[in-house]
Amino acid sequence: MRRFIVALGLILAALTTTSALAQEPLRLELDNPNIEPLPFAAPTFVAETAGADQYAADLARVVAADLTGSGLFREISNEAFISNITNFDSPVQFADWKAINAQALVTGSVSTAGDNQIVVKFRLFDVFSEQQLGEGLQFVGSTDGWRRMAHKVADAVYSRITGEGGYFDSRVVYVSESGPKNARQKRIAIMDYDGENNQFLTTDQSIVLAPRFSPNGNRVIYTSYETGFPKIYVLDVGTVSRQVLQDQPGTMSFAPRFAPDGNSVVYSLTTGSNTDLYKMSIAGGAPQQLTSDPTIETAPSFSPDGSQIVFESDRSGTQQLYVMSANGGEATRISFGQGRYGTPVWSPRGDLIAFTKQNRGRFHIGVMNTDGSGERLLTASFLDEGPTWSPNGRVIMFTRETSGEGGASTLHSVDISGRNLRAVRQGGSDPSWSPLLK
């Protein structure tokens, strides 16, 4: 299962160019409510050695798909090109790209290096100022990791034009669903952020729920019913080996999530008719009880600094969101709108909390400030639930289920502005987004 973990050598070397380096004149202001997608061109990469041709077009295609899929960029079709890039080191004919209104130009090259290795280079240009944006980059890796190199190029373009971190070179773990609704088979699966390179991590022999990545992306924690009762397991993504985290007789443990340091886990534990939050070391030992209300406390999520936990509880009579210290104690309610709130997840930037809201027969994915103010609903559907954040905190992925007896679950994503709603993968639910890959 380590095939998808590709070791990439990243060489931050400046590539020479005939233009002076720019001072980042081309910039997309993401907080602008009237933002228009920036037109860009990404010609087929130059194949510099024999055998590189098979990757040249594919690399440019994935880079363009990443940028276009963000909703912030608009690709100019190759059919509109007046000229093309045939030599990576030749001067750019900016007039030809200005004529088709390309504001950004991505150029690249690819060469083979033996032992199934390829070398990918790229540059980014501001067409109208006729300047290169930042240094050129070079990536060296195995041939089966070419998609990762394309995602890295797209991340670099995204970051230089938006001023924010990228999110394309990341993965998503989720519950893959197949079969009729009344006998649906569920397996933990992992894929690239865009739905490609899908692989299964568990079999379909038992029900699995709520997979969640560790902070470094090397492990996944999830709930399994293989013993007949929900138990929490920790799975190594590379070796697919696993262990039971919590196996207290006569109890049910579920809804686990890693702390930001990866050393501890918070989860729900049901004893008798009561469900409370507990925390324990990933290495084992006695769990620490965090709540003690005679109600249901579940779906916990740490703040990025690990000091607080947001969770859902019905202690007020309806399902609402609360925040408390990561060591337990007094909890503060933060949701006060109409309807019920659940599945809260703290943004990796620490500024927002995403949630599921049910009101008047509709489900929504929304965000609010960490004190509960500024609530915004991003979606509305028969059933939208289970948000997860992209590594840069700009995009949310979630589950959407269609109505009807045989309704299927699909993974969707949406920008935190509420724009760019798009389907990612059919037959999936309960996604968890990894950090950027190393």
Protein backbone atom coordinates (compact mmCIF):
# COMPACT_ATOMS: atom_id res chain seq x y z
CA MET A 1 0.00 0.00 0.00
CA ARG A 2 3.01 2.30 -0.03
CA ARG A 3 2.80 2.71 -3.79
CA PHE A 4 0.81 5.90 -3.47
CA ILE A 5 3.29 7.43 -1.02
CA VAL A 6 5.82 8.72 -3.53
CA ALA A 7 9.17 10.05 -2.39
CA LEU A 8 9.73 13.29 -4.22
CA GLY A 9 12.96 15.21 -4.24
CA LEU A 10 12.09 18.91 -4.23
CA ILE A 11 14.87 21.11 -5.47
CA LEU A 12 14.20 24.78 -4.80
CA ALA A 13 16.58 25.92 -7.48
CA ALA A 14 16.13 29.12 -9.44
CA LEU A 15 15.75 28.48 -13.16
CA THR A 16 17.23 31.16 -15.37
CA THR A 17 14.98 33.42 -17.39
CA THR A 18 15.45 36.44 -19.61
CA SER A 19 12.92 38.48 -17.61
CA ALA A 20 13.59 40.08 -14.24
CA LEU A 21 11.82 38.50 -11.29
CA ALA A 22 8.54 40.19 -10.48
CA GLN A 23 7.41 41.51 -7.13
CA GLU A 24 4.22 39.46 -7.18
CA PRO A 25 2.13 41.97 -9.20
CA LEU A 26 -0.47 39.38 -10.18
CA ARG A 27 -2.72 38.59 -7.22
CA LEU A 28 -6.20 37.21 -6.61
CA GLU A 29 -7.86 38.74 -3.54
CA LEU A 30 -9.81 35.80 -2.14
CA ASP A 31 -11.86 37.93 0.24
CA ASN A 32 -13.34 39.89 -2.67
CA PRO A 33 -17.04 38.84 -2.89
CA ASN A 34 -17.06 39.65 -6.61
CA ILE A 35 -13.95 37.72 -7.53
CA GLU A 36 -13.70 36.67 -11.18
CA PRO A 37 -11.74 33.55 -12.23
CA LEU A 38 -8.30 34.51 -13.51
CA PRO A 39 -7.65 33.40 -17.12
CA PHE A 40 -4.49 31.33 -17.52
CA ALA A 41 -2.77 29.17 -20.11
CA ALA A 42 -1.00 25.89 -19.39
CA PRO A 43 0.51 24.58 -22.65
CA THR A 44 1.63 20.97 -22.93
CA PHE A 45 4.92 20.58 -21.06
CA VAL A 46 8.03 20.25 -23.21
CA ALA A 47 9.32 16.65 -23.48
CA GLU A 48 13.09 17.05 -23.20
CA THR A 49 14.07 13.37 -23.51
CA ALA A 50 12.83 10.28 -25.28
CA GLY A 51 10.08 8.63 -23.30
CA ALA A 52 8.94 11.85 -21.64
CA ASP A 53 6.20 12.51 -24.22
CA GLN A 54 3.70 10.29 -22.37
CA TYR A 55 3.87 12.59 -19.33
CA ALA A 56 4.11 16.00 -21.01
CA ALA A 57 0.43 16.44 -21.88
CA ASP A 58 -0.83 14.66 -18.74
CA LEU A 59 1.14 16.92 -16.40
CA ALA A 60 -0.26 20.08 -17.98
CA ARG A 61 -3.76 18.58 -17.97
CA VAL A 62 -3.70 17.85 -14.22
CA VAL A 63 -2.22 21.26 -13.39
CA ALA A 64 -4.98 22.96 -15.39
CA ALA A 65 -7.67 20.75 -13.83
CA ASP A 66 -6.45 21.59 -10.30
CA LEU A 67 -6.49 25.33 -10.92
CA THR A 68 -9.81 25.33 -12.77
CA GLY A 69 -11.40 23.07 -10.17
CA SER A 70 -10.63 25.61 -7.44
CA GLY A 71 -13.10 27.98 -9.08
CA LEU A 72 -10.52 30.77 -8.94
CA PHE A 73 -8.95 30.22 -12.37
CA ARG A 74 -10.27 29.88 -15.93
CA GLU A 75 -8.26 27.86 -18.43
CA ILE A 76 -7.80 29.19 -21.94
CA SER A 77 -8.18 26.33 -24.42
CA ASN A 78 -5.18 25.16 -26.43
CA GLU A 79 -7.19 25.81 -29.59
CA ALA A 80 -6.95 29.54 -28.86
CA PHE A 81 -3.15 29.57 -28.67
CA ILE A 82 -1.35 31.67 -31.24
CA SER A 83 2.00 30.12 -30.41
CA ASN A 84 3.16 27.32 -28.15
CA ILE A 85 6.07 26.51 -25.87
CA THR A 86 8.50 24.22 -27.68
CA ASN A 87 11.67 25.04 -25.73
CA PHE A 88 11.50 25.50 -21.97
CA ASP A 89 14.47 27.91 -21.91
CA SER A 90 13.48 30.08 -24.88
CA PRO A 91 12.15 33.61 -24.21
CA VAL A 92 8.35 33.79 -23.85
CA GLN A 93 6.54 35.56 -26.68
CA PHE A 94 4.30 37.59 -24.36
CA ALA A 95 2.45 39.35 -27.20
CA ASP A 96 0.95 36.03 -28.32
CA TRP A 97 -0.39 35.33 -24.83
CA LYS A 98 -1.65 38.88 -24.31
CA ALA A 99 -3.63 38.58 -27.54
CA ILE A 100 -5.71 35.74 -26.08
CA ASN A 101 -6.03 37.53 -22.71
CA ALA A 102 -4.01 35.02 -20.69
CA GLN A 103 -3.07 36.81 -17.47
CA ALA A 104 -0.96 33.93 -16.16
CA LEU A 105 1.18 31.48 -18.13
CA VAL A 106 2.41 28.16 -16.74
CA THR A 107 5.30 26.60 -18.65
CA GLY A 108 6.93 23.29 -17.89
CA SER A 109 9.23 20.55 -19.07
CA VAL A 110 9.66 16.86 -18.26
CA SER A 111 12.57 14.50 -18.79
CA THR A 112 13.33 10.92 -17.86
CA ALA A 113 16.28 10.14 -15.59
CA GLY A 114 16.61 6.36 -15.47
CA ASP A 115 15.39 3.92 -12.83
CA ASN A 116 11.81 5.01 -13.55
CA GLN A 117 12.58 8.59 -12.51
CA ILE A 118 11.33 11.78 -14.11
CA VAL A 119 12.33 15.41 -13.65
CA VAL A 120 9.64 18.10 -13.88
CA LYS A 121 10.43 21.81 -14.15
CA PHE A 122 8.03 24.72 -14.26
CA ARG A 123 7.84 28.51 -14.35
CA LEU A 124 4.96 30.93 -13.80
CA PHE A 125 4.67 34.24 -15.69
CA ASP A 126 2.58 37.37 -15.29
CA VAL A 127 1.81 37.91 -18.97
CA PHE A 128 0.87 41.59 -18.93
CA SER A 129 3.84 42.70 -16.81
CA GLU A 130 6.05 40.28 -18.78
CA GLN A 131 7.66 39.04 -15.60
CA GLN A 132 8.30 35.71 -13.95
CA LEU A 133 6.54 35.18 -10.61
CA GLY A 134 8.97 33.74 -8.11
CA GLU A 135 11.62 31.17 -8.82
CA GLY A 136 11.22 28.23 -11.10
CA LEU A 137 10.94 24.87 -9.37
CA GLN A 138 12.20 21.40 -10.16
CA PHE A 139 10.70 18.15 -8.86
CA VAL A 140 12.36 14.75 -9.08
CA GLY A 141 10.40 11.57 -8.40
CA SER A 142 9.33 8.15 -9.62
CA THR A 143 7.24 7.86 -12.76
CA ASP A 144 4.21 6.55 -10.87
CA GLY A 145 4.23 9.77 -8.86
CA TRP A 146 3.78 12.08 -11.84
CA ARG A 147 0.32 13.16 -10.65
CA ARG A 148 1.78 14.27 -7.32
CA MET A 149 4.32 16.40 -9.16
CA ALA A 150 1.53 17.99 -11.18
CA HIS A 151 -0.37 18.73 -7.94
CA LYS A 152 2.79 20.32 -6.51
CA VAL A 153 3.12 22.56 -9.55
CA ALA A 154 -0.54 23.60 -9.20
CA ASP A 155 -0.03 24.29 -5.49
CA ALA A 156 2.90 26.57 -6.27
CA VAL A 157 0.87 28.48 -8.89
CA TYR A 158 -2.10 28.77 -6.54
CA SER A 159 0.08 30.05 -3.68
CA ARG A 160 1.95 32.62 -5.73
CA ILE A 161 -1.22 34.15 -7.16
CA THR A 162 -3.45 33.97 -4.08
CA GLY A 163 -0.85 34.43 -1.35
CA GLU A 164 -2.28 31.42 0.51
CA GLY A 165 -1.19 27.82 0.89
CA GLY A 166 -2.32 25.26 -1.67
CA TYR A 167 -4.26 22.05 -1.12
CA PHE A 168 -3.93 19.96 -4.29
CA ASP A 169 -1.12 17.67 -3.11
CA SER A 170 -3.27 16.01 -0.46
CA ARG A 171 -5.42 12.93 0.04
CA VAL A 172 -8.84 12.11 1.42
CA VAL A 173 -9.84 9.06 3.44
CA TYR A 174 -13.54 8.18 3.35
CA VAL A 175 -16.12 5.40 3.60
CA SER A 176 -16.63 3.77 0.19
CA GLU A 177 -20.21 2.53 -0.23
CA SER A 178 -21.52 -0.03 -2.72
CA GLY A 179 -24.61 -2.18 -3.12
CA PRO A 180 -28.31 -1.56 -2.36
CA LYS A 181 -29.16 0.82 0.47
CA ASN A 182 -30.57 -1.88 2.76
CA ALA A 183 -27.42 -4.03 2.35
CA ARG A 184 -24.76 -1.46 1.59
CA GLN A 185 -21.15 -2.59 1.87
CA LYS A 186 -18.74 -0.13 3.48
CA ARG A 187 -14.96 -0.01 3.31
CA ILE A 188 -12.36 2.57 4.32
CA ALA A 189 -10.79 3.94 1.14
CA ILE A 190 -8.21 6.59 0.33
CA MET A 191 -7.87 8.76 -2.77
CA ASP A 192 -6.21 11.90 -4.08
CA TYR A 193 -8.10 15.08 -3.24
CA ASP A 194 -9.63 15.05 -6.74
CA GLY A 195 -10.95 11.46 -6.53
CA GLU A 196 -8.11 9.80 -8.44
CA ASN A 197 -5.79 6.97 -7.27
CA ASN A 198 -8.48 5.31 -5.18
CA GLN A 199 -7.38 2.40 -2.95
CA PHE A 200 -9.12 0.35 -0.25
CA LEU A 201 -7.69 0.09 3.26
CA THR A 202 -10.25 -2.34 4.76
CA THR A 203 -12.47 -5.16 3.50
CA ASP A 204 -16.26 -5.08 3.26
CA GLN A 205 -16.74 -7.69 5.98
CA SER A 206 -17.90 -5.27 8.68
CA ILE A 207 -19.43 -1.82 9.03
CA VAL A 208 -16.88 1.01 9.33
CA LEU A 209 -17.49 4.64 10.23
CA ALA A 210 -15.80 8.00 10.67
CA PRO A 211 -12.23 7.56 9.37
CA ARG A 212 -10.00 10.46 10.47
CA PHE A 213 -6.41 11.27 9.48
CA SER A 214 -3.63 11.79 12.00
CA PRO A 215 -1.93 15.21 11.83
CA ASN A 216 0.97 13.80 9.77
CA GLY A 217 -1.32 11.78 7.49
CA ASN A 218 0.41 8.45 8.25
CA ARG A 219 -2.41 6.92 10.30
CA VAL A 220 -6.18 6.73 10.20
CA ILE A 221 -8.43 6.27 13.20
CA TYR A 222 -11.93 4.89 12.67
CA THR A 223 -14.85 2.98 14.18
CA SER A 224 -15.59 -0.65 13.26
CA TYR A 225 -18.49 -2.96 14.15
CA GLU A 226 -16.62 -6.18 13.39
CA THR A 227 -17.10 -7.44 16.97
CA GLY A 228 -20.78 -6.50 16.95
CA PHE A 229 -20.15 -3.38 19.03
CA PRO A 230 -18.47 -0.17 17.85
CA LYS A 231 -14.75 -0.13 18.66
CA ILE A 232 -12.01 2.30 17.70
CA TYR A 233 -9.07 1.14 15.56
CA VAL A 234 -5.87 2.87 14.49
CA LEU A 235 -4.60 1.91 11.03
CA ASP A 236 -1.17 2.54 9.54
CA VAL A 237 -1.80 3.85 6.02
CA GLY A 238 1.44 2.49 4.57
CA THR A 239 1.38 -1.05 5.95
CA VAL A 240 -2.40 -1.33 6.53
CA SER A 241 -1.63 -2.88 9.92
CA ARG A 242 -3.98 -1.86 12.73
CA GLN A 243 -4.68 -2.10 16.44
CA VAL A 244 -7.63 -1.58 18.76
CA LEU A 245 -7.33 1.71 20.60
CA GLN A 246 -10.12 1.31 23.13
CA ASP A 247 -11.67 -2.02 24.08
CA GLN A 248 -13.35 -1.60 27.45
CA PRO A 249 -15.86 -4.47 27.96
CA GLY A 250 -19.53 -3.50 28.04
CA THR A 251 -18.98 -0.15 26.34
CA MET A 252 -19.28 1.33 22.87
CA SER A 253 -16.59 3.72 21.62
CA PHE A 254 -16.93 5.82 18.47
CA ALA A 255 -16.42 9.24 16.77
CA PRO A 256 -12.64 9.40 17.38
CA ARG A 257 -10.37 12.25 16.33
CA PHE A 258 -6.65 12.88 16.79
CA ALA A 259 -5.25 15.77 18.81
CA PRO A 260 -3.08 18.18 16.75
CA ASP A 261 0.11 16.67 18.18
CA GLY A 262 -0.99 13.15 17.18
CA ASN A 263 -0.23 11.79 20.65
CA SER A 264 -3.77 11.56 21.99
CA VAL A 265 -7.31 10.95 20.80
CA VAL A 266 -10.69 12.30 21.86
CA TYR A 267 -13.76 10.11 21.35
CA SER A 268 -17.26 9.23 22.59
CA LEU A 269 -17.84 6.36 24.99
CA THR A 270 -21.26 4.94 25.84
CA THR A 271 -21.74 3.18 29.16
CA GLY A 272 -25.29 2.15 29.91
CA SER A 273 -27.56 4.92 28.58
CA ASN A 274 -25.03 7.74 28.83
CA THR A 275 -22.52 8.96 26.22
CA ASP A 276 -19.61 11.19 27.25
CA LEU A 277 -16.34 12.44 25.78
CA TYR A 278 -13.05 10.85 26.77
CA LYS A 279 -9.42 11.47 25.91
CA MET A 280 -6.59 8.97 25.97
CA SER A 281 -3.02 8.58 24.82
CA ILE A 282 -2.52 6.91 21.46
CA ALA A 283 0.01 4.69 23.25
CA GLY A 284 -2.72 3.39 25.56
CA GLY A 285 -3.33 3.77 29.26
CA ALA A 286 -6.30 4.95 31.28
CA PRO A 287 -8.72 7.28 29.48
CA GLN A 288 -9.57 10.72 30.90
CA GLN A 289 -13.27 11.55 31.15
CA LEU A 290 -13.97 15.07 29.82
CA THR A 291 -17.78 15.39 30.20
CA SER A 292 -20.27 13.99 32.69
CA ASP A 293 -23.68 15.30 31.64
CA PRO A 294 -26.55 12.74 31.57
CA THR A 295 -26.93 13.43 27.83
CA ILE A 296 -25.21 12.55 24.55
CA GLU A 297 -21.86 14.25 23.84
CA THR A 298 -20.21 13.29 20.57
CA ALA A 299 -18.42 14.44 17.37
CA PRO A 300 -15.48 16.15 19.14
CA SER A 301 -12.88 18.17 17.23
CA PHE A 302 -9.74 19.89 18.55
CA SER A 303 -8.77 23.49 17.86
CA PRO A 304 -5.51 23.67 15.84
CA ASP A 305 -3.50 24.61 18.92
CA GLY A 306 -4.97 21.71 20.89
CA SER A 307 -6.28 23.91 23.71
CA GLN A 308 -10.02 23.52 23.06
CA ILE A 309 -12.57 21.00 21.81
CA VAL A 310 -15.79 21.70 19.94
CA PHE A 311 -18.49 19.02 20.14
CA GLU A 312 -22.21 18.40 19.78
CA SER A 313 -24.57 17.75 22.70
CA ASP A 314 -28.30 17.61 23.38
CA ARG A 315 -27.89 18.86 26.97
CA SER A 316 -30.02 21.92 26.15
CA GLY A 317 -32.84 19.73 24.81
CA THR A 318 -31.80 19.86 21.15
CA GLN A 319 -28.61 19.01 19.28
CA GLN A 320 -26.27 22.04 19.58
CA LEU A 321 -22.57 22.92 19.48
CA TYR A 322 -20.38 23.57 22.52
CA VAL A 323 -16.75 24.53 23.14
CA MET A 324 -14.71 23.55 26.20
CA SER A 325 -11.11 23.20 27.33
CA ALA A 326 -9.26 20.19 25.91
CA ASN A 327 -8.99 18.98 29.52
CA GLY A 328 -12.74 19.12 30.10
CA GLY A 329 -14.65 21.40 32.45
CA GLU A 330 -17.29 24.04 31.78
CA ALA A 331 -18.61 24.08 28.20
CA THR A 332 -19.95 27.13 26.35
CA ARG A 333 -22.76 26.82 23.85
CA ILE A 334 -21.97 28.55 20.53
CA SER A 335 -24.91 27.63 18.24
CA PHE A 336 -28.14 29.58 18.66
CA GLY A 337 -29.81 29.60 15.25
CA GLN A 338 -32.96 27.72 14.36
CA GLY A 339 -32.63 23.98 13.89
CA ARG A 340 -30.16 21.34 15.07
CA TYR A 341 -26.37 21.45 14.75
CA GLY A 342 -23.86 18.61 14.57
CA THR A 343 -20.51 17.24 13.29
CA PRO A 344 -18.45 20.38 14.08
CA VAL A 345 -14.90 20.58 12.73
CA TRP A 346 -12.38 23.28 13.57
CA SER A 347 -10.67 24.94 10.60
CA PRO A 348 -6.91 24.31 10.29
CA ARG A 349 -6.51 28.10 10.27
CA GLY A 350 -8.31 28.30 13.61
CA ASP A 351 -10.73 31.01 12.52
CA LEU A 352 -13.90 29.05 11.71
CA ILE A 353 -15.89 25.97 12.70
CA ALA A 354 -17.71 24.00 10.00
CA PHE A 355 -20.87 22.09 10.91
CA THR A 356 -23.96 20.25 9.70
CA LYS A 357 -27.31 21.97 10.28
CA GLN A 358 -30.79 20.48 10.01
CA ASN A 359 -33.72 22.89 9.78
CA ARG A 360 -37.19 22.66 8.25
CA GLY A 361 -36.53 19.35 6.55
CA ARG A 362 -33.30 20.49 4.86
CA PHE A 363 -29.67 19.80 5.67
CA HIS A 364 -26.92 22.38 5.30
CA ILE A 365 -23.15 22.64 5.53
CA GLY A 366 -22.24 25.89 7.24
CA VAL A 367 -19.44 27.79 8.95
CA MET A 368 -19.36 30.10 11.94
CA ASN A 369 -16.77 31.99 13.94
CA THR A 370 -15.38 30.08 16.90
CA ASP A 371 -17.62 32.03 19.28
CA GLY A 372 -20.73 31.15 17.24
CA SER A 373 -21.10 34.52 15.52
CA GLY A 374 -21.16 35.08 11.75
CA GLU A 375 -23.02 31.89 10.83
CA ARG A 376 -23.16 31.27 7.06
CA LEU A 377 -24.85 28.35 5.32
CA LEU A 378 -22.94 27.16 2.24
CA THR A 379 -25.23 24.39 0.95
CA ALA A 380 -28.81 23.12 1.13
CA SER A 381 -29.99 19.65 0.19
CA PHE A 382 -32.04 16.61 1.12
CA LEU A 383 -29.02 15.42 3.15
CA ASP A 384 -25.66 17.22 3.43
CA GLU A 385 -23.44 16.25 6.38
CA GLY A 386 -19.97 15.54 7.72
CA PRO A 387 -17.73 18.46 6.66
CA THR A 388 -13.94 18.23 6.50
CA TRP A 389 -11.45 21.03 5.77
CA SER A 390 -8.83 21.28 3.04
CA PRO A 391 -5.27 21.80 4.39
CA ASN A 392 -5.42 25.55 3.68
CA GLY A 393 -8.87 26.08 5.22
CA ARG A 394 -10.41 27.41 1.97
CA VAL A 395 -12.48 24.41 0.83
CA ILE A 396 -14.85 22.01 2.60
CA MET A 397 -15.62 18.46 1.47
CA PHE A 398 -18.77 16.71 2.70
CA THR A 399 -21.29 13.94 2.03
CA ARG A 400 -24.42 14.57 -0.04
CA GLU A 401 -27.12 11.91 -0.24
CA THR A 402 -29.89 12.06 -2.81
CA SER A 403 -33.51 11.48 -1.83
CA GLY A 404 -35.34 8.25 -2.58
CA GLU A 405 -35.20 4.69 -1.40
CA GLY A 406 -32.01 3.92 -3.29
CA GLY A 407 -30.39 7.29 -2.64
CA ALA A 408 -26.65 7.25 -3.24
CA SER A 409 -24.01 9.13 -1.30
CA THR A 410 -21.56 11.37 -3.15
CA LEU A 411 -18.58 13.36 -1.93
CA HIS A 412 -18.91 17.05 -2.77
CA SER A 413 -16.76 20.10 -2.12
CA VAL A 414 -17.57 23.79 -1.78
CA ASP A 415 -15.54 26.96 -1.22
CA ILE A 416 -16.04 28.69 2.15
CA SER A 417 -17.63 31.55 0.21
CA GLY A 418 -20.40 29.14 -0.85
CA ARG A 419 -19.19 29.18 -4.47
CA ASN A 420 -17.89 26.36 -6.62
CA LEU A 421 -20.05 23.48 -5.40
CA ARG A 422 -18.85 20.36 -7.23
CA ALA A 423 -19.08 16.57 -7.05
CA VAL A 424 -15.80 14.76 -6.28
CA ARG A 425 -16.63 11.05 -6.14
CA GLN A 426 -19.71 8.83 -6.31
CA GLY A 427 -20.38 6.16 -3.70
CA GLY A 428 -18.61 7.76 -0.76
CA SER A 429 -19.36 9.29 2.63
CA ASP A 430 -17.73 10.66 5.78
CA PRO A 431 -14.57 12.18 4.24
CA SER A 432 -11.47 13.33 6.12
CA TRP A 433 -8.91 15.54 4.37
CA SER A 434 -5.20 14.94 4.98
CA PRO A 435 -2.60 17.65 5.52
CA LEU A 436 -0.40 18.51 2.56
CA LEU A 437 1.79 15.52 1.72
CA LYS A 438 5.50 15.64 2.47
